[in-house]
Amino acid sequence: MLVVATAGAVAAQTGSSANAGPLKFSATIEAPSVYVFRGFVQEEEPTITLTPSADVSVAFGTARVHVGTWHALLGGSSGENGITGRLHYEERFSAGVTVPISGIAVDATYTSYSGPGFILSPRHEVAIRIDPHRWFGTYALAAVELDGAADEIDDGNGTYLELGALPELPLGSGRARVGAPVRVGLSLSNYYQAFRADSRFGFFNVGVLITLPLEQDGPGGSWNLHGGVEVYLFGDAPKARNLGKAEKVVATVGLSLRY
């Protein structure tokens, strides 16, 4: 779906739907306390932040082709209350294909990033994500920048590696689940550059995520409400970009649909 995995995005991918056809649809809207992209905090003085997304996929045999869009709407210093006065801070469009290989989902996705608010420079990347679903929600994602740079230092196309997991357990006797998402973001080449030197470590992230199914396998699809708290620890390059701050706490609440 998306090349960036957040706790909420992972929550949106769980569950099933009564739709047994080849065409699938999913949508999520989240409200994080601040928008952080791979360790880079995007807003110094956040107010209201919303990140709506949607994805459509169709099956061709065992493969599934998908297209999607993701948006960041910021009301604070990088958005509506900032120098541009524009709420729409970022948009992404992605297209890719997922293929099962020996029970492991392998996804290849192209994503374009743009900034309608004219603060972000356009970027393009391709990513490979591997999901062995049965192993505590573990995944690995490698992304290569084709044009533009997330660190805004374009010394060459950066290569990013993210490793993560989402172990989950039932919460009490109800339908709710509690998870402990954990991620680490690394530079394989020129992704986290500080003072023209590449920093291998980008960020470490750990949190608590609670997911409450609202409706499962109904005629209107599967819905869930989710929320949690994440703690980021930043490496040298993100720390320099984040005004010298070495950590960040992000709270998120969201609503997801799969059909």
C-alpha atoms as a PDB file:
ATOM      1  CA  MET A   1       0.000   0.000   0.000  1.00  0.00           C
ATOM      2  CA  LEU A   2       2.468   2.646   1.218  1.00  0.00           C
ATOM      3  CA  VAL A   3       6.222   2.591   1.439  1.00  0.00           C
ATOM      4  CA  VAL A   4       6.143   4.187   4.815  1.00  0.00           C
ATOM      5  CA  ALA A   5       4.933   1.989   7.707  1.00  0.00           C
ATOM      6  CA  THR A   6       3.523   3.679  10.803  1.00  0.00           C
ATOM      7  CA  ALA A   7       1.725   2.095  13.710  1.00  0.00           C
ATOM      8  CA  GLY A   8      -1.568   3.323  12.310  1.00  0.00           C
ATOM      9  CA  ALA A   9      -0.787   2.112   8.817  1.00  0.00           C
ATOM     10  CA  VAL A  10      -0.042  -1.338  10.177  1.00  0.00           C
ATOM     11  CA  ALA A  11      -3.314  -1.274  12.087  1.00  0.00           C
ATOM     12  CA  ALA A  12      -5.156  -0.424   8.900  1.00  0.00           C
ATOM     13  CA  GLN A  13      -3.805  -3.561   7.253  1.00  0.00           C
ATOM     14  CA  THR A  14      -5.060  -5.982   9.910  1.00  0.00           C
ATOM     15  CA  GLY A  15      -8.422  -7.685   9.847  1.00  0.00           C
ATOM     16  CA  SER A  16     -10.489  -9.117   7.003  1.00  0.00           C
ATOM     17  CA  SER A  17     -13.508  -8.171   4.932  1.00  0.00           C
ATOM     18  CA  ALA A  18     -16.645  -9.839   3.629  1.00  0.00           C
ATOM     19  CA  ASN A  19     -15.566  -8.791   0.127  1.00  0.00           C
ATOM     20  CA  ALA A  20     -14.303 -11.989  -1.519  1.00  0.00           C
ATOM     21  CA  GLY A  21     -13.876 -10.492  -4.998  1.00  0.00           C
ATOM     22  CA  PRO A  22     -10.635  -9.546  -6.763  1.00  0.00           C
ATOM     23  CA  LEU A  23     -11.125  -5.811  -6.125  1.00  0.00           C
ATOM     24  CA  LYS A  24     -10.176  -4.533  -2.662  1.00  0.00           C
ATOM     25  CA  PHE A  25     -10.369  -1.072  -1.124  1.00  0.00           C
ATOM     26  CA  SER A  26      -8.899   0.370   2.053  1.00  0.00           C
ATOM     27  CA  ALA A  27      -8.886   3.833   3.590  1.00  0.00           C
ATOM     28  CA  THR A  28      -7.497   5.383   6.749  1.00  0.00           C
ATOM     29  CA  ILE A  29      -7.598   8.774   8.409  1.00  0.00           C
ATOM     30  CA  GLU A  30      -5.266   9.489  11.297  1.00  0.00           C
ATOM     31  CA  ALA A  31      -4.582  12.438  13.583  1.00  0.00           C
ATOM     32  CA  PRO A  32      -1.003  12.315  14.901  1.00  0.00           C
ATOM     33  CA  SER A  33       0.179  14.923  17.374  1.00  0.00           C
ATOM     34  CA  VAL A  34       2.982  15.750  14.919  1.00  0.00           C
ATOM     35  CA  TYR A  35       4.017  14.406  11.510  1.00  0.00           C
ATOM     36  CA  VAL A  36       7.359  12.548  11.515  1.00  0.00           C
ATOM     37  CA  PHE A  37       8.731  11.031   8.300  1.00  0.00           C
ATOM     38  CA  ARG A  38      11.481   8.445   8.799  1.00  0.00           C
ATOM     39  CA  GLY A  39      12.902  10.393  11.723  1.00  0.00           C
ATOM     40  CA  PHE A  40      12.490  13.872  10.213  1.00  0.00           C
ATOM     41  CA  VAL A  41       9.985  15.996  12.171  1.00  0.00           C
ATOM     42  CA  GLN A  42       7.987  18.004   9.633  1.00  0.00           C
ATOM     43  CA  GLU A  43       6.519  20.677  11.896  1.00  0.00           C
ATOM     44  CA  GLU A  44       8.054  22.772  14.672  1.00  0.00           C
ATOM     45  CA  GLU A  45       4.739  24.037  16.074  1.00  0.00           C
ATOM     46  CA  PRO A  46       1.958  21.563  15.239  1.00  0.00           C
ATOM     47  CA  THR A  47      -1.713  22.254  15.880  1.00  0.00           C
ATOM     48  CA  ILE A  48      -4.089  19.923  14.014  1.00  0.00           C
ATOM     49  CA  THR A  49      -2.532  17.253  11.800  1.00  0.00           C
ATOM     50  CA  LEU A  50      -4.527  14.851   9.606  1.00  0.00           C
ATOM     51  CA  THR A  51      -3.191  12.135   7.293  1.00  0.00           C
ATOM     52  CA  PRO A  52      -5.933  10.612   5.093  1.00  0.00           C
ATOM     53  CA  SER A  53      -5.037   7.792   2.694  1.00  0.00           C
ATOM     54  CA  ALA A  54      -6.747   5.374   0.331  1.00  0.00           C
ATOM     55  CA  ASP A  55      -5.701   2.315  -1.655  1.00  0.00           C
ATOM     56  CA  VAL A  56      -7.336   0.189  -4.361  1.00  0.00           C
ATOM     57  CA  SER A  57      -6.003  -3.202  -5.440  1.00  0.00           C
ATOM     58  CA  VAL A  58      -7.027  -5.913  -7.889  1.00  0.00           C
ATOM     59  CA  ALA A  59      -5.916  -9.540  -8.009  1.00  0.00           C
ATOM     60  CA  PHE A  60      -4.390 -11.163 -11.079  1.00  0.00           C
ATOM     61  CA  GLY A  61      -3.937 -14.776 -10.116  1.00  0.00           C
ATOM     62  CA  THR A  62      -1.805 -14.803  -6.952  1.00  0.00           C
ATOM     63  CA  ALA A  63      -0.430 -11.305  -7.628  1.00  0.00           C
ATOM     64  CA  ARG A  64      -2.181  -8.119  -6.546  1.00  0.00           C
ATOM     65  CA  VAL A  65      -1.699  -4.748  -8.257  1.00  0.00           C
ATOM     66  CA  HIS A  66      -2.374  -1.679  -6.127  1.00  0.00           C
ATOM     67  CA  VAL A  67      -2.529   2.098  -6.460  1.00  0.00           C
ATOM     68  CA  GLY A  68      -2.854   4.498  -3.580  1.00  0.00           C
ATOM     69  CA  THR A  69      -2.651   8.058  -2.322  1.00  0.00           C
ATOM     70  CA  TRP A  70      -1.616   9.589   1.008  1.00  0.00           C
ATOM     71  CA  HIS A  71      -1.896  13.210   2.173  1.00  0.00           C
ATOM     72  CA  ALA A  72      -0.671  15.346   5.056  1.00  0.00           C
ATOM     73  CA  LEU A  73      -2.903  18.227   6.153  1.00  0.00           C
ATOM     74  CA  LEU A  74      -1.103  20.456   8.644  1.00  0.00           C
ATOM     75  CA  GLY A  75      -2.657  23.302  10.543  1.00  0.00           C
ATOM     76  CA  GLY A  76       0.548  24.438  12.262  1.00  0.00           C
ATOM     77  CA  SER A  77       3.794  26.173  11.371  1.00  0.00           C
ATOM     78  CA  SER A  78       4.493  24.077   8.245  1.00  0.00           C
ATOM     79  CA  GLY A  79       0.929  24.355   6.981  1.00  0.00           C
ATOM     80  CA  GLU A  80      -1.993  26.698   7.380  1.00  0.00           C
ATOM     81  CA  ASN A  81      -0.357  28.809  10.113  1.00  0.00           C
ATOM     82  CA  GLY A  82       2.971  28.947   8.279  1.00  0.00           C
ATOM     83  CA  ILE A  83       4.461  31.133   5.578  1.00  0.00           C
ATOM     84  CA  THR A  84       2.472  29.494   2.775  1.00  0.00           C
ATOM     85  CA  GLY A  85      -0.870  29.564   4.565  1.00  0.00           C
ATOM     86  CA  ARG A  86      -1.761  26.245   2.898  1.00  0.00           C
ATOM     87  CA  LEU A  87      -3.280  23.328   4.789  1.00  0.00           C
ATOM     88  CA  HIS A  88      -2.224  20.730   2.193  1.00  0.00           C
ATOM     89  CA  TYR A  89       1.429  20.081   3.069  1.00  0.00           C
ATOM     90  CA  GLU A  90       2.250  16.824   1.268  1.00  0.00           C
ATOM     91  CA  GLU A  91       0.749  14.305  -1.115  1.00  0.00           C
ATOM     92  CA  ARG A  92       1.956  10.925  -2.311  1.00  0.00           C
ATOM     93  CA  PHE A  93       0.855   8.698  -5.136  1.00  0.00           C
ATOM     94  CA  SER A  94       1.981   5.094  -5.314  1.00  0.00           C
ATOM     95  CA  ALA A  95       1.605   2.081  -7.579  1.00  0.00           C
ATOM     96  CA  GLY A  96       2.941  -1.401  -7.138  1.00  0.00           C
ATOM     97  CA  VAL A  97       2.457  -5.137  -7.126  1.00  0.00           C
ATOM     98  CA  THR A  98       2.445  -7.713  -4.326  1.00  0.00           C
ATOM     99  CA  VAL A  99       3.389 -11.332  -4.991  1.00  0.00           C
ATOM    100  CA  PRO A 100       3.397 -14.226  -2.499  1.00  0.00           C
ATOM    101  CA  ILE A 101       6.635 -16.217  -2.527  1.00  0.00           C
ATOM    102  CA  SER A 102       6.753 -19.298  -0.273  1.00  0.00           C
ATOM    103  CA  GLY A 103       4.146 -17.766   2.022  1.00  0.00           C
ATOM    104  CA  ILE A 104       5.945 -14.422   2.234  1.00  0.00           C
ATOM    105  CA  ALA A 105       4.416 -11.275   0.713  1.00  0.00           C
ATOM    106  CA  VAL A 106       6.891  -9.417  -1.505  1.00  0.00           C
ATOM    107  CA  ASP A 107       5.802  -5.941  -2.624  1.00  0.00           C
ATOM    108  CA  ALA A 108       7.439  -3.597  -5.132  1.00  0.00           C
ATOM    109  CA  THR A 109       6.117  -0.016  -5.092  1.00  0.00           C
ATOM    110  CA  TYR A 110       6.915   3.245  -6.865  1.00  0.00           C
ATOM    111  CA  THR A 111       6.012   6.413  -4.932  1.00  0.00           C
ATOM    112  CA  SER A 112       6.062  10.069  -5.917  1.00  0.00           C
ATOM    113  CA  TYR A 113       6.160  12.729  -3.199  1.00  0.00           C
ATOM    114  CA  SER A 114       5.157  16.330  -3.764  1.00  0.00           C
ATOM    115  CA  GLY A 115       4.451  19.395  -1.658  1.00  0.00           C
ATOM    116  CA  PRO A 116       1.343  21.371  -2.640  1.00  0.00           C
ATOM    117  CA  GLY A 117       2.393  23.915  -0.014  1.00  0.00           C
ATOM    118  CA  PHE A 118       5.694  24.469  -1.879  1.00  0.00           C
ATOM    119  CA  ILE A 119       7.801  23.652   1.191  1.00  0.00           C
ATOM    120  CA  LEU A 120       8.717  20.082   0.259  1.00  0.00           C
ATOM    121  CA  SER A 121      10.789  19.386  -2.835  1.00  0.00           C
ATOM    122  CA  PRO A 122       9.430  16.658  -5.145  1.00  0.00           C
ATOM    123  CA  ARG A 123      10.892  13.174  -4.673  1.00  0.00           C
ATOM    124  CA  HIS A 124      10.537   9.810  -6.381  1.00  0.00           C
ATOM    125  CA  GLU A 125      11.503   6.390  -5.055  1.00  0.00           C
ATOM    126  CA  VAL A 126      11.063   2.678  -5.542  1.00  0.00           C
ATOM    127  CA  ALA A 127      10.777   0.301  -2.601  1.00  0.00           C
ATOM    128  CA  ILE A 128      10.759  -3.419  -1.928  1.00  0.00           C
ATOM    129  CA  ARG A 129       8.935  -4.644   1.164  1.00  0.00           C
ATOM    130  CA  ILE A 130       8.979  -8.204   2.525  1.00  0.00           C
ATOM    131  CA  ASP A 131       6.260  -9.324   4.974  1.00  0.00           C
ATOM    132  CA  PRO A 132       6.552 -12.769   6.572  1.00  0.00           C
ATOM    133  CA  HIS A 133       3.191 -12.232   8.308  1.00  0.00           C
ATOM    134  CA  ARG A 134       3.418 -15.211  10.610  1.00  0.00           C
ATOM    135  CA  TRP A 135       6.498 -13.922  12.447  1.00  0.00           C
ATOM    136  CA  PHE A 136       5.167 -11.333  14.919  1.00  0.00           C
ATOM    137  CA  GLY A 137       4.284  -8.884  12.158  1.00  0.00           C
ATOM    138  CA  THR A 138       7.925  -8.513  11.135  1.00  0.00           C
ATOM    139  CA  TYR A 139       8.820  -6.786   7.881  1.00  0.00           C
ATOM    140  CA  ALA A 140      11.787  -5.340   6.010  1.00  0.00           C
ATOM    141  CA  LEU A 141      11.636  -2.420   3.580  1.00  0.00           C
ATOM    142  CA  ALA A 142      14.364  -1.062   1.302  1.00  0.00           C
ATOM    143  CA  ALA A 143      13.765   2.164  -0.651  1.00  0.00           C
ATOM    144  CA  VAL A 144      15.946   3.810  -3.296  1.00  0.00           C
ATOM    145  CA  GLU A 145      15.566   7.494  -4.151  1.00  0.00           C
ATOM    146  CA  LEU A 146      15.358   8.069  -7.888  1.00  0.00           C
ATOM    147  CA  ASP A 147      15.146  11.849  -7.688  1.00  0.00           C
ATOM    148  CA  GLY A 148      15.187  14.249  -4.761  1.00  0.00           C
ATOM    149  CA  ALA A 149      16.279  13.520  -1.196  1.00  0.00           C
ATOM    150  CA  ALA A 150      14.418  13.155   2.096  1.00  0.00           C
ATOM    151  CA  ASP A 151      17.360  14.728   3.963  1.00  0.00           C
ATOM    152  CA  GLU A 152      17.407  17.581   1.392  1.00  0.00           C
ATOM    153  CA  ILE A 153      21.129  16.917   0.762  1.00  0.00           C
ATOM    154  CA  ASP A 154      21.329  15.471  -2.717  1.00  0.00           C
ATOM    155  CA  ASP A 155      24.827  13.947  -2.819  1.00  0.00           C
ATOM    156  CA  GLY A 156      23.505  10.947  -4.681  1.00  0.00           C
ATOM    157  CA  ASN A 157      20.440   8.767  -4.657  1.00  0.00           C
ATOM    158  CA  GLY A 158      19.878   7.697  -1.066  1.00  0.00           C
ATOM    159  CA  THR A 159      19.072   4.123  -0.099  1.00  0.00           C
ATOM    160  CA  TYR A 160      16.958   3.533   2.997  1.00  0.00           C
ATOM    161  CA  LEU A 161      16.413   0.376   5.055  1.00  0.00           C
ATOM    162  CA  GLU A 162      13.641  -0.093   7.604  1.00  0.00           C
ATOM    163  CA  LEU A 163      13.182  -3.131   9.843  1.00  0.00           C
ATOM    164  CA  GLY A 164      10.108  -3.478  12.019  1.00  0.00           C
ATOM    165  CA  ALA A 165       7.638  -5.683  13.833  1.00  0.00           C
ATOM    166  CA  LEU A 166       4.182  -5.505  15.395  1.00  0.00           C
ATOM    167  CA  PRO A 167       3.664  -8.263  17.976  1.00  0.00           C
ATOM    168  CA  GLU A 168       0.021  -8.276  19.138  1.00  0.00           C
ATOM    169  CA  LEU A 169      -2.035  -9.844  21.910  1.00  0.00           C
ATOM    170  CA  PRO A 170      -5.777  -9.799  22.739  1.00  0.00           C
ATOM    171  CA  LEU A 171      -6.671  -7.097  25.233  1.00  0.00           C
ATOM    172  CA  GLY A 172      -8.797  -8.648  27.959  1.00  0.00           C
ATOM    173  CA  SER A 173     -11.755 -10.795  26.898  1.00  0.00           C
ATOM    174  CA  GLY A 174     -13.049  -8.398  24.234  1.00  0.00           C
ATOM    175  CA  ARG A 175     -12.170  -7.908  20.566  1.00  0.00           C
ATOM    176  CA  ALA A 176      -9.540  -5.242  21.173  1.00  0.00           C
ATOM    177  CA  ARG A 177      -5.865  -5.974  20.553  1.00  0.00           C
ATOM    178  CA  VAL A 178      -2.746  -4.383  21.984  1.00  0.00           C
ATOM    179  CA  GLY A 179       0.453  -4.247  19.991  1.00  0.00           C
ATOM    180  CA  ALA A 180       4.008  -3.043  20.478  1.00  0.00           C
ATOM    181  CA  PRO A 181       5.204  -1.617  17.140  1.00  0.00           C
ATOM    182  CA  VAL A 182       8.963  -1.266  16.859  1.00  0.00           C
ATOM    183  CA  ARG A 183      11.019   0.095  13.935  1.00  0.00           C
ATOM    184  CA  VAL A 184      14.546   1.110  13.092  1.00  0.00           C
ATOM    185  CA  GLY A 185      15.454   3.306  10.112  1.00  0.00           C
ATOM    186  CA  LEU A 186      18.933   3.026   8.601  1.00  0.00           C
ATOM    187  CA  SER A 187      20.882   4.518   5.716  1.00  0.00           C
ATOM    188  CA  LEU A 188      22.462   2.031   3.351  1.00  0.00           C
ATOM    189  CA  SER A 189      23.832   4.908   1.266  1.00  0.00           C
ATOM    190  CA  ASN A 190      23.441   8.730   1.398  1.00  0.00           C
ATOM    191  CA  TYR A 191      20.041   8.711   3.096  1.00  0.00           C
ATOM    192  CA  TYR A 192      20.862  10.281   6.489  1.00  0.00           C
ATOM    193  CA  GLN A 193      23.554  12.830   5.678  1.00  0.00           C
ATOM    194  CA  ALA A 194      24.869  15.264   8.271  1.00  0.00           C
ATOM    195  CA  PHE A 195      27.504  17.828   7.332  1.00  0.00           C
ATOM    196  CA  ARG A 196      28.006  15.966   4.048  1.00  0.00           C
ATOM    197  CA  ALA A 197      28.818  12.681   5.813  1.00  0.00           C
ATOM    198  CA  ASP A 198      26.415   9.753   5.717  1.00  0.00           C
ATOM    199  CA  SER A 199      25.101   8.692   9.125  1.00  0.00           C
ATOM    200  CA  ARG A 200      24.131   5.027   9.213  1.00  0.00           C
ATOM    201  CA  PHE A 201      21.585   5.269  12.049  1.00  0.00           C
ATOM    202  CA  GLY A 202      18.466   7.313  11.369  1.00  0.00           C
ATOM    203  CA  PHE A 203      15.964   6.544  14.102  1.00  0.00           C
ATOM    204  CA  PHE A 204      14.612   3.966  16.495  1.00  0.00           C
ATOM    205  CA  ASN A 205      10.912   3.899  17.280  1.00  0.00           C
ATOM    206  CA  VAL A 206       8.865   1.905  19.795  1.00  0.00           C
ATOM    207  CA  GLY A 207       5.304   2.319  20.953  1.00  0.00           C
ATOM    208  CA  VAL A 208       2.012   0.909  22.163  1.00  0.00           C
ATOM    209  CA  LEU A 209      -0.926   0.494  19.762  1.00  0.00           C
ATOM    210  CA  ILE A 210      -4.506  -0.433  20.707  1.00  0.00           C
ATOM    211  CA  THR A 211      -6.877  -1.553  17.949  1.00  0.00           C
ATOM    212  CA  LEU A 212     -10.629  -1.875  18.493  1.00  0.00           C
ATOM    213  CA  PRO A 213     -12.612  -3.609  15.709  1.00  0.00           C
ATOM    214  CA  LEU A 214     -15.900  -1.759  15.177  1.00  0.00           C
ATOM    215  CA  GLU A 215     -17.324  -4.075  12.518  1.00  0.00           C
ATOM    216  CA  GLN A 216     -15.847  -7.190  10.953  1.00  0.00           C
ATOM    217  CA  ASP A 217     -16.891  -8.887   7.698  1.00  0.00           C
ATOM    218  CA  GLY A 218     -20.029  -6.748   7.435  1.00  0.00           C
ATOM    219  CA  PRO A 219     -21.687  -5.522   4.240  1.00  0.00           C
ATOM    220  CA  GLY A 220     -19.871  -2.221   4.698  1.00  0.00           C
ATOM    221  CA  GLY A 221     -16.465  -3.856   5.109  1.00  0.00           C
ATOM    222  CA  SER A 222     -14.252  -4.123   8.185  1.00  0.00           C
ATOM    223  CA  TRP A 223     -13.745  -1.055  10.364  1.00  0.00           C
ATOM    224  CA  ASN A 224     -11.408  -0.413  13.254  1.00  0.00           C
ATOM    225  CA  LEU A 225     -10.545   2.416  15.613  1.00  0.00           C
ATOM    226  CA  HIS A 226      -6.921   2.552  16.681  1.00  0.00           C
ATOM    227  CA  GLY A 227      -4.694   4.751  18.763  1.00  0.00           C
ATOM    228  CA  GLY A 228      -1.358   4.713  20.489  1.00  0.00           C
ATOM    229  CA  VAL A 229       1.829   6.448  21.506  1.00  0.00           C
ATOM    230  CA  GLU A 230       5.270   6.159  19.895  1.00  0.00           C
ATOM    231  CA  VAL A 231       8.691   7.303  21.092  1.00  0.00           C
ATOM    232  CA  TYR A 232      11.366   8.235  18.528  1.00  0.00           C
ATOM    233  CA  LEU A 233      15.099   8.288  19.218  1.00  0.00           C
ATOM    234  CA  PHE A 234      16.992  10.133  16.466  1.00  0.00           C
ATOM    235  CA  GLY A 235      20.429   9.643  14.952  1.00  0.00           C
ATOM    236  CA  ASP A 236      22.817  12.464  14.118  1.00  0.00           C
ATOM    237  CA  ALA A 237      21.277  13.599  10.807  1.00  0.00           C
ATOM    238  CA  PRO A 238      17.633  13.697  11.964  1.00  0.00           C
ATOM    239  CA  LYS A 239      18.728  15.260  15.253  1.00  0.00           C
ATOM    240  CA  ALA A 240      20.451  18.080  13.369  1.00  0.00           C
ATOM    241  CA  ARG A 241      17.341  18.618  11.235  1.00  0.00           C
ATOM    242  CA  ASN A 242      15.079  18.438  14.306  1.00  0.00           C
ATOM    243  CA  LEU A 243      16.665  21.490  16.013  1.00  0.00           C
ATOM    244  CA  GLY A 244      19.041  19.358  18.055  1.00  0.00           C
ATOM    245  CA  LYS A 245      16.299  17.293  19.688  1.00  0.00           C
ATOM    246  CA  ALA A 246      17.257  13.656  20.227  1.00  0.00           C
ATOM    247  CA  GLU A 247      13.773  12.264  20.844  1.00  0.00           C
ATOM    248  CA  LYS A 248      10.105  12.852  20.074  1.00  0.00           C
ATOM    249  CA  VAL A 249       6.850  11.457  21.477  1.00  0.00           C
ATOM    250  CA  VAL A 250       3.977  11.104  18.996  1.00  0.00           C
ATOM    251  CA  ALA A 251       0.384  10.224  19.906  1.00  0.00           C
ATOM    252  CA  THR A 252      -1.978   9.052  17.157  1.00  0.00           C
ATOM    253  CA  VAL A 253      -5.656   8.158  16.806  1.00  0.00           C
ATOM    254  CA  GLY A 254      -7.198   6.846  13.609  1.00  0.00           C
ATOM    255  CA  LEU A 255     -10.095   5.147  11.833  1.00  0.00           C
ATOM    256  CA  SER A 256      -9.607   2.484   9.149  1.00  0.00           C
ATOM    257  CA  LEU A 257     -11.776   0.677   6.610  1.00  0.00           C
ATOM    258  CA  ARG A 258     -11.030  -2.427   4.538  1.00  0.00           C
ATOM    259  CA  TYR A 259     -13.462  -3.754   1.945  1.00  0.00           C
END
